[in-house]
Amino acid sequence: MSRTRPYCLTIAGYDPSGGAGIVADCKTFEQLKVQGLSVLTCNTIQTEDHFYSYNWISPDVIIAQLNTLLDRYSIHYFKIGLMPDTNLLLQVLTILHNRVKDPMIIWDPILQPSAGGNELDQQRFEKQLGEVLSKVSILTPNLPEFKKLFGTKTPQEVATSFQTIIYLKGGHAEQKGKDLFLQGEKQFSINPKVKTELEKHGTGCIFSSALTAHLARKFPLKKACLKSKQYVENRITSNPTLLAYHY
């Protein structure tokens, strides 16, 4: 009999290309041997290289999806991706904290489509951001997202101001691929193991769902970060297109 897999829930948008969003999350969950569940927040019309439009799912439907899964499954590990605004994000976070003891919540703060376009309001999480962070276990922004969220504050200032752990993805860093992990006063860098000019659509989604999966499998936090970065690098070099192969 096979070993029982822990449940991981992604709360995110749908990308028809499968490169990002809940499809990429569930591909990652499957490869990393956790049982993936999903709550859909948004339907998008896009490919891996062009974003056309989006259609938010009704908040009542999102909450109904979430409560139905929590009623049926014992879930402790959550990845949150594309969300419309702070109000719904806080509503979801409050439900998770009320219904799950010590939930592990990873928030990948998607502010705009990675496939191009500026259709989404990048300032939509500005209000009550402190309250959001108090309910999130790990924040996984890239550098542009961090600057949009926190302005001129440094990662160290944000990490010491809030109890949220920050994993700052380095795809836009001066040394490309050099990530930064911050937990309170502690911090360490994670350098890329692979040098390549290849890029992939949805690497932020893939990283955050990989981190969720590795934590669900009880890897220590630092090791979970290292293994998740390795998983992303393997996806980047999996083929020359913008869509990753998961294997």
Protein backbone atom coordinates (compact mmCIF):
# COMPACT_ATOMS: atom_id res chain seq x y z
CA MET A 1 0.00 0.00 0.00
CA SER A 2 1.35 3.43 -0.93
CA ARG A 3 2.10 6.01 1.70
CA THR A 4 -0.72 8.47 2.37
CA ARG A 5 0.02 11.87 0.86
CA PRO A 6 -0.63 15.09 2.81
CA TYR A 7 -3.18 17.51 1.37
CA CYS A 8 -2.08 20.85 -0.06
CA LEU A 9 -4.60 23.46 -1.19
CA THR A 10 -3.94 26.13 -3.79
CA ILE A 11 -6.27 29.13 -3.89
CA ALA A 12 -5.44 30.75 -7.20
CA GLY A 13 -6.43 31.65 -10.74
CA TYR A 14 -6.77 29.53 -13.86
CA ASP A 15 -4.24 29.93 -16.67
CA PRO A 16 -5.40 28.05 -19.80
CA SER A 17 -1.78 27.50 -20.91
CA GLY A 18 -1.12 25.53 -17.71
CA GLY A 19 2.12 27.38 -17.10
CA ALA A 20 0.94 29.25 -14.03
CA GLY A 21 -1.97 29.32 -11.56
CA ILE A 22 -3.79 26.29 -10.23
CA VAL A 23 -2.80 24.03 -13.11
CA ALA A 24 0.92 24.63 -12.52
CA ASP A 25 0.38 24.33 -8.77
CA CYS A 26 -1.32 20.96 -9.08
CA LYS A 27 1.33 19.70 -11.53
CA THR A 28 3.93 20.62 -8.91
CA PHE A 29 1.96 19.03 -6.08
CA GLU A 30 1.68 15.78 -8.02
CA GLN A 31 5.39 15.63 -8.83
CA LEU A 32 6.34 16.33 -5.22
CA LYS A 33 4.06 13.60 -3.89
CA VAL A 34 1.36 15.58 -2.10
CA GLN A 35 -2.37 15.48 -2.82
CA GLY A 36 -3.35 18.72 -4.53
CA LEU A 37 -6.69 20.45 -3.99
CA SER A 38 -7.73 23.76 -5.52
CA VAL A 39 -10.04 26.73 -5.13
CA LEU A 40 -10.51 28.84 -8.26
CA THR A 41 -10.43 32.62 -7.82
CA CYS A 42 -10.28 33.85 -11.41
CA ASN A 43 -10.64 32.73 -15.02
CA THR A 44 -8.06 34.27 -17.30
CA ILE A 45 -7.70 34.38 -21.07
CA GLN A 46 -4.00 34.08 -21.77
CA THR A 47 -1.18 32.07 -23.22
CA GLU A 48 2.33 31.73 -21.83
CA ASP A 49 3.38 34.91 -23.66
CA HIS A 50 0.29 37.11 -23.79
CA PHE A 51 -2.40 38.11 -21.31
CA TYR A 52 -5.76 39.18 -22.75
CA SER A 53 -8.35 39.47 -19.97
CA TYR A 54 -9.66 38.07 -16.69
CA ASN A 55 -12.95 37.33 -14.98
CA TRP A 56 -13.07 37.12 -11.19
CA ILE A 57 -15.05 34.30 -9.62
CA SER A 58 -17.81 35.47 -7.26
CA PRO A 59 -16.52 35.79 -3.67
CA ASP A 60 -19.47 33.67 -2.47
CA VAL A 61 -18.41 30.87 -4.82
CA ILE A 62 -14.78 31.12 -3.71
CA ILE A 63 -15.76 30.88 -0.05
CA ALA A 64 -18.16 28.00 -0.78
CA GLN A 65 -15.37 26.11 -2.58
CA LEU A 66 -13.04 26.69 0.36
CA ASN A 67 -15.50 25.67 3.08
CA THR A 68 -16.56 22.56 1.15
CA LEU A 69 -12.96 21.34 0.97
CA LEU A 70 -12.28 22.18 4.62
CA ASP A 71 -15.42 20.24 5.59
CA ARG A 72 -14.18 17.12 3.82
CA TYR A 73 -10.38 17.11 4.07
CA SER A 74 -7.82 17.67 6.80
CA ILE A 75 -5.69 20.41 5.24
CA HIS A 76 -2.90 22.32 6.98
CA TYR A 77 -0.84 23.61 4.05
CA PHE A 78 -2.12 26.39 1.80
CA LYS A 79 -0.76 28.37 -1.13
CA ILE A 80 -2.59 31.59 -2.08
CA GLY A 81 -2.00 33.11 -5.49
CA LEU A 82 -4.12 35.45 -7.61
CA MET A 83 -6.67 37.34 -5.49
CA PRO A 84 -8.87 40.34 -6.40
CA ASP A 85 -8.42 42.52 -3.31
CA THR A 86 -7.55 42.77 0.37
CA ASN A 87 -11.12 42.23 1.54
CA LEU A 88 -11.46 38.76 0.02
CA LEU A 89 -7.89 37.84 0.93
CA LEU A 90 -8.56 38.71 4.58
CA GLN A 91 -11.84 36.81 4.50
CA VAL A 92 -10.05 33.70 3.23
CA LEU A 93 -7.23 34.08 5.76
CA THR A 94 -9.69 34.49 8.61
CA ILE A 95 -11.55 31.33 7.61
CA LEU A 96 -8.29 29.37 7.48
CA HIS A 97 -7.24 30.55 10.92
CA ASN A 98 -10.69 29.92 12.41
CA ARG A 99 -11.02 26.43 10.95
CA VAL A 100 -7.45 25.11 10.95
CA LYS A 101 -5.09 24.96 13.91
CA ASP A 102 -1.80 26.71 13.06
CA PRO A 103 -2.24 26.71 9.28
CA MET A 104 0.86 27.08 7.11
CA ILE A 105 -0.10 29.76 4.58
CA ILE A 106 2.18 30.80 1.75
CA TRP A 107 1.10 33.95 -0.09
CA ASP A 108 2.51 34.57 -3.55
CA PRO A 109 1.37 38.19 -4.05
CA ILE A 110 0.61 38.28 -7.77
CA LEU A 111 0.17 41.95 -8.68
CA GLN A 112 0.12 41.76 -12.48
CA PRO A 113 0.14 39.09 -15.20
CA SER A 114 3.61 37.68 -15.91
CA ALA A 115 2.52 37.20 -19.54
CA GLY A 116 2.26 40.96 -20.02
CA GLY A 117 -0.43 43.61 -19.70
CA ASN A 118 -1.33 45.92 -16.83
CA GLU A 119 -4.99 45.07 -16.42
CA LEU A 120 -4.80 44.48 -12.65
CA ASP A 121 -4.55 47.21 -10.02
CA GLN A 122 -1.08 46.71 -8.55
CA GLN A 123 -1.98 48.77 -5.47
CA ARG A 124 -5.00 46.65 -4.53
CA PHE A 125 -3.36 45.19 -1.41
CA GLU A 126 -2.15 48.52 -0.05
CA LYS A 127 -4.92 48.80 2.55
CA GLN A 128 -4.67 46.54 5.62
CA LEU A 129 -1.43 44.98 4.37
CA GLY A 130 -0.17 44.69 7.95
CA GLU A 131 -3.25 42.71 8.94
CA VAL A 132 -2.79 40.44 5.93
CA LEU A 133 0.86 39.78 6.82
CA SER A 134 -0.05 38.95 10.41
CA LYS A 135 -2.10 36.02 9.07
CA VAL A 136 0.42 34.80 6.48
CA SER A 137 3.23 32.37 7.33
CA ILE A 138 5.53 33.01 4.36
CA LEU A 139 5.46 35.78 1.74
CA THR A 140 7.09 34.93 -1.61
CA PRO A 141 7.30 38.10 -3.77
CA ASN A 142 9.70 38.84 -6.57
CA LEU A 143 11.62 42.12 -6.41
CA PRO A 144 9.12 44.27 -8.39
CA GLU A 145 6.24 42.91 -6.29
CA PHE A 146 8.15 43.65 -3.08
CA LYS A 147 8.77 47.24 -4.15
CA LYS A 148 5.12 47.73 -5.10
CA LEU A 149 3.99 46.37 -1.74
CA PHE A 150 6.52 48.09 0.54
CA GLY A 151 7.90 51.07 -1.38
CA THR A 152 11.35 52.13 -0.17
CA LYS A 153 11.46 49.77 2.82
CA THR A 154 14.23 47.20 2.73
CA PRO A 155 13.49 43.46 3.04
CA GLN A 156 15.21 43.50 6.43
CA GLU A 157 13.00 46.35 7.66
CA VAL A 158 9.85 44.51 6.58
CA ALA A 159 11.03 41.21 8.06
CA THR A 160 11.71 42.76 11.44
CA SER A 161 8.46 44.78 11.42
CA PHE A 162 6.21 41.79 10.77
CA GLN A 163 6.29 38.18 11.93
CA THR A 164 5.89 36.93 8.37
CA ILE A 165 8.82 35.08 6.84
CA ILE A 166 9.91 36.57 3.50
CA TYR A 167 11.38 34.62 0.61
CA LEU A 168 12.41 37.23 -1.95
CA LYS A 169 12.72 35.58 -5.35
CA GLY A 170 15.73 36.69 -7.36
CA GLY A 171 14.59 36.50 -10.95
CA HIS A 172 14.83 40.31 -11.16
CA ALA A 173 17.80 40.68 -8.81
CA GLU A 174 21.12 42.27 -9.79
CA GLN A 175 22.61 38.77 -9.65
CA LYS A 176 19.88 36.96 -11.51
CA GLY A 177 18.48 34.03 -9.60
CA LYS A 178 19.96 35.00 -6.22
CA ASP A 179 17.13 34.64 -3.70
CA LEU A 180 16.97 36.08 -0.19
CA PHE A 181 15.36 34.43 2.83
CA LEU A 182 14.47 36.59 5.84
CA GLN A 183 13.02 35.56 9.19
CA GLY A 184 13.12 38.31 11.79
CA GLU A 185 16.77 39.28 12.22
CA LYS A 186 18.00 36.18 10.39
CA GLN A 187 18.68 36.11 6.70
CA PHE A 188 20.59 34.08 4.16
CA SER A 189 21.04 34.09 0.41
CA ILE A 190 20.34 31.19 -1.93
CA ASN A 191 22.48 31.34 -5.04
CA PRO A 192 21.41 29.79 -8.35
CA LYS A 193 22.90 26.40 -9.16
CA VAL A 194 22.17 26.68 -12.86
CA LYS A 195 23.37 29.36 -15.26
CA THR A 196 21.00 29.69 -18.19
CA GLU A 197 19.36 32.29 -20.37
CA LEU A 198 16.19 30.19 -20.53
CA GLU A 199 13.05 31.58 -18.90
CA LYS A 200 9.72 30.06 -17.95
CA HIS A 201 6.21 31.37 -17.48
CA GLY A 202 4.85 30.78 -13.97
CA THR A 203 8.05 30.23 -11.99
CA GLY A 204 6.64 32.20 -9.05
CA CYS A 205 3.62 29.93 -8.87
CA ILE A 206 5.79 26.86 -9.21
CA PHE A 207 8.15 27.96 -6.43
CA SER A 208 5.41 28.78 -3.92
CA SER A 209 3.54 25.54 -4.57
CA ALA A 210 6.81 23.56 -4.37
CA LEU A 211 7.55 25.20 -1.03
CA THR A 212 4.05 24.34 0.19
CA ALA A 213 4.55 20.73 -0.85
CA HIS A 214 7.99 20.35 0.72
CA LEU A 215 6.76 21.80 4.01
CA ALA A 216 3.76 19.46 3.94
CA ARG A 217 6.22 16.60 3.59
CA LYS A 218 7.91 17.84 6.80
CA PHE A 219 11.17 19.08 5.38
CA PRO A 220 12.81 21.71 7.64
CA LEU A 221 12.16 25.23 6.41
CA LYS A 222 15.64 25.95 5.04
CA LYS A 223 15.84 22.60 3.28
CA ALA A 224 12.32 23.09 1.89
CA CYS A 225 13.45 26.42 0.40
CA LEU A 226 16.57 24.88 -1.14
CA LYS A 227 14.65 21.94 -2.61
CA SER A 228 11.95 24.26 -3.98
CA LYS A 229 14.52 26.45 -5.70
CA GLN A 230 16.10 23.35 -7.20
CA TYR A 231 12.70 22.22 -8.45
CA VAL A 232 12.16 25.58 -10.17
CA GLU A 233 15.60 25.55 -11.75
CA ASN A 234 14.93 22.08 -13.12
CA ARG A 235 11.69 23.35 -14.63
CA ILE A 236 13.45 26.36 -16.20
CA THR A 237 15.93 24.10 -17.96
CA SER A 238 13.41 21.36 -18.79
CA ASN A 239 12.96 22.58 -22.38
CA PRO A 240 13.57 25.71 -24.50
CA THR A 241 9.96 26.98 -24.52
CA LEU A 242 8.21 29.22 -21.96
CA LEU A 243 6.11 26.28 -20.68
CA ALA A 244 7.85 24.01 -18.16
CA TYR A 245 7.87 20.23 -18.25
CA HIS A 246 7.06 18.72 -14.86
CA TYR A 247 8.73 15.34 -14.42
